[in-house]
Amino acid sequence: MKEKLKWIPNMLCIVRIVLVFVFIYLSLQDNDSTLYWALFIFLLAGATDVLDGFLARKNGWITELGKILDPFADKLMQCTVVFILSMKAILPNWFALVFFFKEIVTLVMGLIVIKRRNVVVVSKWYGKAAACLFYLTVALSIIFKNYLAGNAFAYAALCIPAAVFALGAFAAYVKHYYSSLKRPKKKVNETEKVNESL
């Protein structure tokens, strides 16, 4: 029974991947009500991310498949949201550029660390904080999209804090990844926890 239960986090990751396509369908409809439903789907996906991470760590339900599925599901949803909202002018293009630059670099470095060190991938506190601010920024940009339209100051007030915090977390991640790679392999515990970026 316990062997079957350990797959619950992976099933939640799969649900999150399915929710990406639900978000795409709803967000591309040309009316506000479906966009708000898309926001609900986005927040629901975030809740499943928190839940599967909690269950995996609390019960030791960490699998090799889960190490791939969890970050893939997270990045797929977040990148999809940023791309669509920037395309619809709900998020500014510069915010999307900052986000995708950070994601690409941290993804590449994270994969290198995982491959060379065979470590368990979990979030650091600053990654979680940046993720929370990202979710808040997306939610507010949708809720107040009519007010934000054409208001550059309001856009800046909303998006700059999230961008700055994300870049700060990005710098901390890069430093951590680099230090992990520099250490002699024999000193790195196989279950060492290395951060997974927002």
Protein backbone atom coordinates (compact mmCIF):
# COMPACT_ATOMS: atom_id res chain seq x y z
CA MET A 1 0.00 0.00 0.00
CA LYS A 2 2.80 2.39 0.95
CA GLU A 3 4.50 1.62 -2.36
CA LYS A 4 1.39 2.84 -4.19
CA LEU A 5 0.97 5.94 -2.03
CA LYS A 6 4.44 7.23 -2.92
CA TRP A 7 3.16 7.92 -6.45
CA ILE A 8 0.62 10.50 -5.20
CA PRO A 9 3.03 13.45 -5.66
CA ASN A 10 3.73 12.30 -9.23
CA MET A 11 0.02 12.07 -9.98
CA LEU A 12 -0.40 15.63 -8.71
CA CYS A 13 2.39 16.70 -11.06
CA ILE A 14 0.53 15.09 -13.96
CA VAL A 15 -2.65 16.90 -12.90
CA ARG A 16 -0.66 20.13 -12.94
CA ILE A 17 0.53 19.45 -16.48
CA VAL A 18 -3.07 18.86 -17.59
CA LEU A 19 -4.08 22.13 -15.93
CA VAL A 20 -1.61 23.95 -18.18
CA PHE A 21 -3.75 23.09 -21.20
CA VAL A 22 -6.91 24.09 -19.36
CA PHE A 23 -5.27 27.44 -18.59
CA ILE A 24 -4.30 27.91 -22.24
CA TYR A 25 -7.85 27.25 -23.43
CA LEU A 26 -9.46 29.58 -20.88
CA SER A 27 -6.93 32.41 -21.13
CA LEU A 28 -7.18 32.59 -24.92
CA GLN A 29 -10.95 33.18 -24.82
CA ASP A 30 -11.87 36.80 -25.46
CA ASN A 31 -13.79 37.64 -22.29
CA ASP A 32 -13.02 38.52 -18.68
CA SER A 33 -14.96 35.72 -17.01
CA THR A 34 -12.92 32.94 -18.63
CA LEU A 35 -9.72 34.84 -17.83
CA TYR A 36 -10.70 34.81 -14.16
CA TRP A 37 -11.33 31.08 -14.44
CA ALA A 38 -7.87 30.78 -15.98
CA LEU A 39 -6.51 32.57 -12.91
CA PHE A 40 -8.32 30.06 -10.70
CA ILE A 41 -6.69 27.20 -12.62
CA PHE A 42 -3.28 28.84 -12.22
CA LEU A 43 -3.73 29.18 -8.46
CA LEU A 44 -5.07 25.62 -8.24
CA ALA A 45 -1.93 24.39 -9.99
CA GLY A 46 0.14 26.31 -7.45
CA ALA A 47 -1.75 24.60 -4.63
CA THR A 48 -1.03 21.15 -6.09
CA ASP A 49 2.64 22.13 -6.28
CA VAL A 50 2.70 22.96 -2.57
CA LEU A 51 0.79 19.78 -1.72
CA ASP A 52 2.92 17.37 -3.73
CA GLY A 53 6.13 18.89 -2.35
CA PHE A 54 4.83 18.60 1.22
CA LEU A 55 3.77 14.98 0.78
CA ALA A 56 7.02 13.97 -0.93
CA ARG A 57 9.24 15.48 1.77
CA LYS A 58 7.11 14.48 4.77
CA ASN A 59 6.71 10.83 3.73
CA GLY A 60 9.90 10.30 1.76
CA TRP A 61 7.88 9.75 -1.43
CA ILE A 62 10.70 10.97 -3.65
CA THR A 63 11.15 9.13 -6.95
CA GLU A 64 13.42 9.57 -9.94
CA LEU A 65 10.37 10.32 -12.07
CA GLY A 66 9.21 12.91 -9.56
CA LYS A 67 12.55 14.73 -9.75
CA ILE A 68 11.82 15.32 -13.44
CA LEU A 69 8.03 15.77 -13.35
CA ASP A 70 7.86 18.34 -10.56
CA PRO A 71 10.16 21.03 -12.03
CA PHE A 72 8.84 20.30 -15.52
CA ALA A 73 5.22 20.84 -14.44
CA ASP A 74 6.13 24.02 -12.55
CA LYS A 75 8.12 25.57 -15.38
CA LEU A 76 5.59 24.57 -18.01
CA MET A 77 2.78 26.32 -16.14
CA GLN A 78 4.79 29.41 -15.21
CA CYS A 79 6.30 29.88 -18.67
CA THR A 80 2.91 29.38 -20.32
CA VAL A 81 1.31 31.96 -18.03
CA VAL A 82 4.02 34.57 -18.62
CA PHE A 83 4.01 34.01 -22.38
CA ILE A 84 0.23 34.30 -22.75
CA LEU A 85 -0.18 37.24 -20.39
CA SER A 86 2.63 39.17 -22.09
CA MET A 87 1.10 38.35 -25.46
CA LYS A 88 -2.23 39.74 -24.23
CA ALA A 89 -0.42 42.83 -22.79
CA ILE A 90 -1.49 41.91 -19.26
CA LEU A 91 2.15 41.57 -18.23
CA PRO A 92 4.83 43.87 -19.74
CA ASN A 93 7.27 42.35 -22.24
CA TRP A 94 10.31 43.31 -20.15
CA PHE A 95 8.94 41.21 -17.29
CA ALA A 96 8.67 38.22 -19.61
CA LEU A 97 12.26 38.73 -20.79
CA VAL A 98 13.56 38.82 -17.22
CA PHE A 99 11.53 35.75 -16.33
CA PHE A 100 12.62 33.64 -19.31
CA PHE A 101 16.29 34.62 -18.93
CA LYS A 102 16.23 33.52 -15.29
CA GLU A 103 14.39 30.30 -16.06
CA ILE A 104 16.67 29.23 -18.89
CA VAL A 105 19.90 29.84 -16.97
CA THR A 106 18.74 28.23 -13.71
CA LEU A 107 17.27 25.27 -15.57
CA VAL A 108 20.53 24.57 -17.38
CA MET A 109 22.62 24.94 -14.23
CA GLY A 110 20.18 22.87 -12.20
CA LEU A 111 20.33 20.01 -14.71
CA ILE A 112 24.11 20.11 -14.66
CA VAL A 113 24.19 19.88 -10.86
CA ILE A 114 21.64 17.06 -10.80
CA LYS A 115 23.56 15.09 -13.43
CA ARG A 116 26.96 15.51 -11.78
CA ARG A 117 25.94 15.25 -8.14
CA ASN A 118 22.82 13.03 -8.22
CA VAL A 119 21.11 15.15 -5.57
CA VAL A 120 17.55 15.59 -4.38
CA VAL A 121 16.13 18.83 -5.77
CA VAL A 122 14.15 21.04 -3.41
CA SER A 123 13.46 24.75 -3.11
CA LYS A 124 15.40 27.19 -0.99
CA TRP A 125 13.47 29.75 1.08
CA TYR A 126 14.29 32.55 -1.33
CA GLY A 127 13.02 30.49 -4.26
CA LYS A 128 9.75 29.89 -2.45
CA ALA A 129 9.45 33.57 -1.59
CA ALA A 130 10.11 34.57 -5.20
CA ALA A 131 7.50 32.04 -6.34
CA CYS A 132 4.90 33.48 -3.94
CA LEU A 133 5.59 36.99 -5.21
CA PHE A 134 5.35 35.73 -8.79
CA TYR A 135 1.94 34.17 -8.12
CA LEU A 136 0.76 37.35 -6.42
CA THR A 137 1.96 39.49 -9.34
CA VAL A 138 0.17 37.31 -11.88
CA ALA A 139 -3.03 37.30 -9.84
CA LEU A 140 -3.07 41.08 -9.40
CA SER A 141 -2.19 41.70 -13.06
CA ILE A 142 -5.27 39.74 -14.10
CA ILE A 143 -7.63 41.12 -11.45
CA PHE A 144 -6.64 44.75 -12.16
CA LYS A 145 -5.86 44.39 -15.86
CA ASN A 146 -8.29 47.12 -16.90
CA TYR A 147 -6.75 49.62 -14.50
CA LEU A 148 -3.20 48.64 -15.49
CA ALA A 149 -3.86 49.02 -19.21
CA GLY A 150 -1.93 52.05 -20.42
CA ASN A 151 -0.72 52.91 -16.91
CA ALA A 152 3.06 52.52 -17.00
CA PHE A 153 3.54 53.61 -13.38
CA ALA A 154 1.07 51.03 -12.10
CA TYR A 155 2.73 48.35 -14.22
CA ALA A 156 6.11 49.23 -12.72
CA ALA A 157 4.77 49.30 -9.16
CA LEU A 158 3.30 45.85 -9.64
CA CYS A 159 6.03 44.08 -11.62
CA ILE A 160 9.35 45.60 -10.54
CA PRO A 161 9.31 44.15 -6.99
CA ALA A 162 8.68 40.65 -8.36
CA ALA A 163 11.37 41.06 -11.02
CA VAL A 164 13.96 42.39 -8.55
CA PHE A 165 13.24 39.65 -6.03
CA ALA A 166 13.38 37.00 -8.75
CA LEU A 167 16.77 38.28 -9.93
CA GLY A 168 18.02 38.27 -6.35
CA ALA A 169 16.92 34.66 -5.93
CA PHE A 170 18.46 33.89 -9.31
CA ALA A 171 21.84 35.26 -8.17
CA ALA A 172 21.66 33.21 -4.96
CA TYR A 173 20.82 30.07 -6.95
CA VAL A 174 23.68 30.57 -9.38
CA LYS A 175 26.11 31.01 -6.48
CA HIS A 176 24.76 27.87 -4.79
CA TYR A 177 24.90 25.81 -7.97
CA TYR A 178 28.45 26.97 -8.65
CA SER A 179 29.64 26.16 -5.13
CA SER A 180 28.03 22.71 -5.39
CA LEU A 181 29.94 22.01 -8.60
CA LYS A 182 33.24 23.28 -7.21
CA ARG A 183 33.24 21.02 -4.16
CA PRO A 184 35.01 17.66 -4.49
CA LYS A 185 32.45 15.03 -5.33
CA LYS A 186 33.43 12.78 -2.43
CA LYS A 187 32.33 15.51 0.01
CA VAL A 188 28.87 15.85 -1.48
CA ASN A 189 26.30 13.64 0.20
CA GLU A 190 24.07 11.79 -2.27
CA THR A 191 20.97 13.18 -0.57
CA GLU A 192 22.28 16.73 -0.36
CA LYS A 193 19.43 19.12 -1.00
CA VAL A 194 20.12 21.51 -3.82
CA ASN A 195 17.65 24.25 -4.58
CA GLU A 196 15.22 24.22 -7.45
CA SER A 197 14.52 27.70 -8.74
CA LEU A 198 11.33 29.59 -8.99
